[in-house]
Amino acid sequence: MLGSPGLLWLLAVSFSLVPRAQPFTPQVSEEEEEDETVWPPLPAVPCDYDRCRHLQVPCQELQRASPTACLCPGLSSPAQPPDPPRLGEVRVVAEAGLAVVHWCAPSSPVHQYWLLLREGSGAPQKGPPLNSTVRRAELKGLKPGGAYVVCVVAANGAGESSVPKAGGEGLKGPAFGPCGRLAVPPSPQTLVHAAVGVGTALALLSCAALVWHFCLRQRWGCPRRTATRPAAGL
């Protein structure tokens, strides 16, 4: 019978021999512990951005494309006109009558650039608009032996950068502002023509001097020098 003391004792002994279930504790390996280590974020570095590089990608686009965080140079408010660009190297090609102008972007948001060219005391001529990535442009139609003033202008939605007035103190050189003086040397053909003209003028003067000496003096009765004879001895 189930209620007998012998059967109950047998069941109690059987249950005591069964091992008790242990709570499951997951084991984590050393490699998994290393993978779960939280590393501090890498410090941000300056973006590969050069204000003077031609066709320079905007820094904001470099930030979006960079796999690591990078910093852009500080810019002024877009609600203000941009600061003047800095004129760089100006290379003159006298044979072709052109000049290659380089400049550097200001620390301001810029939407476009253009060049101003003034010859002597004349009115400045405005070039075509250039996009914000451009840092180099050509000036064509320069006259041999001409003297010019070239300026770079930057513009955004708030206005355009300032340009020194003609004859102002801002025209100190390419490294100090947006403007600089440009002198085109004479072409070799011009020098040859000038040399031929000077030689022709000298030849005409020499011929005129010879004609005056041999012909006109005799015609006008210029006095001749008479040789003095020695006095006869007494």
Protein backbone atom coordinates (compact mmCIF):
# COMPACT_ATOMS: atom_id res chain seq x y z
CA MET A 1 0.00 0.00 0.00
CA LEU A 2 1.12 3.52 -0.67
CA GLY A 3 0.61 4.56 2.88
CA SER A 4 2.93 1.92 4.34
CA PRO A 5 5.99 3.23 6.22
CA GLY A 6 8.40 1.04 4.23
CA LEU A 7 7.29 2.39 0.88
CA LEU A 8 7.48 5.98 2.05
CA TRP A 9 10.99 5.46 3.34
CA LEU A 10 12.04 3.95 -0.01
CA LEU A 11 10.68 6.92 -1.92
CA ALA A 12 12.44 9.37 0.40
CA VAL A 13 15.77 7.61 -0.12
CA SER A 14 15.32 7.69 -3.95
CA PHE A 15 14.64 11.42 -4.07
CA SER A 16 17.64 12.14 -1.85
CA LEU A 17 19.95 10.42 -4.34
CA VAL A 18 18.85 12.66 -7.25
CA PRO A 19 21.32 15.70 -7.66
CA ARG A 20 19.79 19.07 -7.16
CA ALA A 21 19.66 21.42 -10.18
CA GLN A 22 22.28 24.14 -10.08
CA PRO A 23 21.45 27.68 -11.36
CA PHE A 24 22.93 28.32 -14.89
CA THR A 25 25.76 30.82 -14.88
CA PRO A 26 27.09 31.76 -18.34
CA GLN A 27 30.85 31.77 -18.66
CA VAL A 28 32.47 34.67 -20.47
CA SER A 29 35.84 34.16 -22.12
CA GLU A 30 38.70 36.62 -21.86
CA GLU A 31 38.40 37.53 -25.58
CA GLU A 32 34.73 38.48 -25.12
CA GLU A 33 35.66 40.61 -22.13
CA GLU A 34 38.26 42.46 -24.22
CA ASP A 35 35.73 43.03 -27.02
CA GLU A 36 33.24 44.53 -24.63
CA THR A 37 35.77 47.03 -23.29
CA VAL A 38 34.58 50.59 -23.92
CA TRP A 39 37.35 52.65 -25.49
CA PRO A 40 37.36 56.43 -25.25
CA PRO A 41 36.55 58.28 -28.52
CA LEU A 42 39.48 59.32 -30.69
CA PRO A 43 40.36 63.03 -30.56
CA ALA A 44 39.18 65.04 -33.55
CA VAL A 45 41.88 66.20 -36.00
CA PRO A 46 41.78 69.07 -38.52
CA CYS A 47 40.18 68.17 -41.83
CA ASP A 48 42.31 68.01 -44.98
CA TYR A 49 41.28 71.52 -45.99
CA ASP A 50 43.55 74.14 -47.57
CA ARG A 51 42.27 77.67 -48.14
CA CYS A 52 44.67 78.16 -51.07
CA ARG A 53 44.07 74.81 -52.83
CA HIS A 54 42.42 75.06 -56.24
CA LEU A 55 39.07 73.20 -56.51
CA GLN A 56 39.05 72.63 -52.75
CA VAL A 57 36.06 70.57 -51.54
CA PRO A 58 34.07 72.45 -48.84
CA CYS A 59 35.03 71.40 -45.34
CA GLN A 60 31.47 70.36 -44.43
CA GLU A 61 31.52 67.78 -47.24
CA LEU A 62 34.89 66.52 -46.00
CA GLN A 63 33.37 66.00 -42.56
CA ARG A 64 30.49 63.95 -43.95
CA ALA A 65 32.81 61.79 -46.07
CA SER A 66 35.52 61.29 -43.44
CA PRO A 67 35.43 57.96 -41.50
CA THR A 68 36.75 59.74 -38.42
CA ALA A 69 35.71 63.03 -36.88
CA CYS A 70 37.59 66.07 -38.15
CA LEU A 71 37.36 69.77 -37.44
CA CYS A 72 36.78 72.60 -39.91
CA PRO A 73 38.38 76.05 -39.56
CA GLY A 74 36.24 78.67 -37.91
CA LEU A 75 34.12 80.90 -40.13
CA SER A 76 32.40 84.21 -39.58
CA SER A 77 28.62 84.49 -39.53
CA PRO A 78 26.82 83.90 -42.86
CA ALA A 79 24.77 87.01 -42.06
CA GLN A 80 27.89 89.16 -42.63
CA PRO A 81 29.70 89.90 -45.91
CA PRO A 82 32.86 87.81 -46.33
CA ASP A 83 36.29 89.07 -45.42
CA PRO A 84 38.57 89.99 -48.36
CA PRO A 85 40.43 87.06 -49.94
CA ARG A 86 44.23 87.06 -49.98
CA LEU A 87 45.84 87.45 -53.38
CA GLY A 88 48.69 85.01 -53.97
CA GLU A 89 51.00 84.36 -56.93
CA VAL A 90 50.35 86.19 -60.20
CA ARG A 91 52.19 84.59 -63.13
CA VAL A 92 52.40 86.67 -66.32
CA VAL A 93 52.70 85.05 -69.76
CA ALA A 94 53.70 88.02 -71.92
CA GLU A 95 53.78 86.05 -75.20
CA ALA A 96 50.11 85.06 -74.80
CA GLY A 97 48.98 88.33 -73.24
CA LEU A 98 47.55 86.67 -70.13
CA ALA A 99 48.17 86.26 -66.41
CA VAL A 100 47.32 83.36 -64.07
CA VAL A 101 46.03 84.65 -60.71
CA HIS A 102 46.00 82.58 -57.49
CA TRP A 103 44.29 83.48 -54.21
CA CYS A 104 43.31 82.07 -50.80
CA ALA A 105 39.80 81.91 -49.35
CA PRO A 106 38.87 84.09 -46.36
CA SER A 107 37.61 82.80 -43.01
CA SER A 108 34.02 83.42 -44.10
CA PRO A 109 31.24 81.59 -45.95
CA VAL A 110 31.69 82.27 -49.68
CA HIS A 111 29.25 81.50 -52.50
CA GLN A 112 31.27 82.84 -55.43
CA TYR A 113 34.33 84.86 -56.51
CA TRP A 114 35.19 87.20 -59.37
CA LEU A 115 38.19 89.25 -60.51
CA LEU A 116 38.42 93.02 -61.04
CA LEU A 117 40.98 94.37 -63.52
CA ARG A 118 41.83 98.05 -63.83
CA GLU A 119 44.30 99.52 -66.32
CA GLY A 120 45.90 102.76 -65.20
CA SER A 121 43.28 105.18 -63.91
CA GLY A 122 40.42 103.63 -65.92
CA ALA A 123 37.27 101.99 -64.58
CA PRO A 124 37.64 98.41 -63.28
CA GLN A 125 36.41 95.56 -65.46
CA LYS A 126 34.50 92.76 -63.71
CA GLY A 127 35.20 89.16 -64.69
CA PRO A 128 32.73 86.25 -64.81
CA PRO A 129 31.53 84.68 -61.52
CA LEU A 130 33.48 81.68 -60.20
CA ASN A 131 32.18 79.03 -57.77
CA SER A 132 33.41 78.74 -54.19
CA THR A 133 35.90 75.90 -54.91
CA VAL A 134 37.96 77.93 -57.42
CA ARG A 135 41.28 79.46 -56.31
CA ARG A 136 42.85 80.15 -59.72
CA ALA A 137 41.74 82.05 -62.83
CA GLU A 138 43.21 83.54 -66.01
CA LEU A 139 43.19 87.15 -67.16
CA LYS A 140 43.34 87.43 -70.94
CA GLY A 141 43.76 90.29 -73.37
CA LEU A 142 46.58 92.04 -71.52
CA LYS A 143 48.57 94.57 -73.52
CA PRO A 144 52.38 94.25 -73.77
CA GLY A 145 54.01 96.86 -71.58
CA GLY A 146 50.72 97.60 -69.78
CA ALA A 147 50.33 98.27 -66.04
CA TYR A 148 47.25 96.91 -64.25
CA VAL A 149 45.70 96.44 -60.81
CA VAL A 150 43.98 93.09 -60.17
CA CYS A 151 41.65 92.38 -57.21
CA VAL A 152 39.78 89.28 -55.98
CA VAL A 153 36.23 89.73 -54.63
CA ALA A 154 34.30 87.18 -52.53
CA ALA A 155 30.52 87.26 -52.12
CA ASN A 156 27.79 85.47 -50.17
CA GLY A 157 24.11 86.08 -49.41
CA ALA A 158 24.92 89.05 -47.16
CA GLY A 159 27.08 90.99 -49.63
CA GLU A 160 30.60 91.13 -51.07
CA SER A 161 34.07 91.73 -49.66
CA SER A 162 35.63 95.17 -49.67
CA VAL A 163 38.15 96.34 -52.28
CA PRO A 164 40.70 99.16 -51.78
CA LYS A 165 40.09 102.26 -53.82
CA ALA A 166 42.37 103.32 -56.64
CA GLY A 167 45.55 104.84 -55.26
CA GLY A 168 44.75 103.70 -51.72
CA GLU A 169 47.15 102.34 -49.18
CA GLY A 170 45.73 98.84 -49.52
CA LEU A 171 47.74 98.15 -52.69
CA LYS A 172 50.95 97.13 -50.94
CA GLY A 173 51.47 93.82 -52.69
CA PRO A 174 49.94 90.42 -53.34
CA ALA A 175 50.63 89.12 -49.82
CA PHE A 176 48.77 91.85 -47.91
CA GLY A 177 45.29 91.95 -49.35
CA PRO A 178 42.91 91.16 -52.20
CA CYS A 179 44.64 93.47 -54.74
CA GLY A 180 48.03 93.74 -56.36
CA ARG A 181 49.82 95.52 -59.19
CA LEU A 182 50.48 93.71 -62.44
CA ALA A 183 53.05 94.77 -65.05
CA VAL A 184 53.21 93.08 -68.44
CA PRO A 185 56.69 93.22 -70.03
CA PRO A 186 56.97 94.26 -73.68
CA SER A 187 56.84 91.45 -76.20
CA PRO A 188 60.03 90.54 -78.13
CA GLN A 189 58.48 91.81 -81.37
CA THR A 190 57.86 95.19 -79.78
CA LEU A 191 61.51 95.38 -78.70
CA VAL A 192 62.66 94.51 -82.24
CA HIS A 193 60.44 97.18 -83.73
CA ALA A 194 61.71 99.72 -81.22
CA ALA A 195 65.33 98.83 -82.03
CA VAL A 196 64.66 99.15 -85.77
CA GLY A 197 63.02 102.54 -85.23
CA VAL A 198 65.93 103.83 -83.16
CA GLY A 199 68.43 102.57 -85.74
CA THR A 200 66.53 104.23 -88.58
CA ALA A 201 66.37 107.52 -86.71
CA LEU A 202 70.12 107.45 -86.05
CA ALA A 203 70.83 106.69 -89.71
CA LEU A 204 68.69 109.63 -90.85
CA LEU A 205 70.43 111.96 -88.43
CA SER A 206 73.83 110.81 -89.68
CA CYS A 207 72.83 111.39 -93.32
CA ALA A 208 71.47 114.83 -92.49
CA ALA A 209 74.70 115.75 -90.76
CA LEU A 210 76.76 114.63 -93.76
CA VAL A 211 74.56 116.57 -96.20
CA TRP A 212 74.85 119.69 -94.11
CA HIS A 213 78.59 119.34 -93.91
CA PHE A 214 79.38 118.73 -97.59
CA CYS A 215 76.62 120.60 -99.42
CA LEU A 216 74.93 123.23 -97.37
CA ARG A 217 78.11 124.79 -96.06
CA GLN A 218 79.35 125.44 -99.58
CA ARG A 219 75.97 126.69 -100.75
CA TRP A 220 75.60 129.12 -97.86
CA GLY A 221 79.12 130.41 -98.32
CA CYS A 222 80.50 129.35 -95.04
CA PRO A 223 84.00 130.67 -94.63
CA ARG A 224 86.80 128.30 -95.27
CA ARG A 225 89.97 128.15 -93.37
CA THR A 226 92.93 129.49 -95.39
CA ALA A 227 96.33 128.13 -94.86
CA THR A 228 98.82 130.68 -93.59
CA ARG A 229 101.93 130.99 -95.71
CA PRO A 230 105.27 131.55 -93.99
CA ALA A 231 106.61 135.07 -94.30
CA ALA A 232 109.44 135.56 -96.75
CA GLY A 233 112.78 136.17 -95.20
CA LEU A 234 114.32 139.57 -95.45
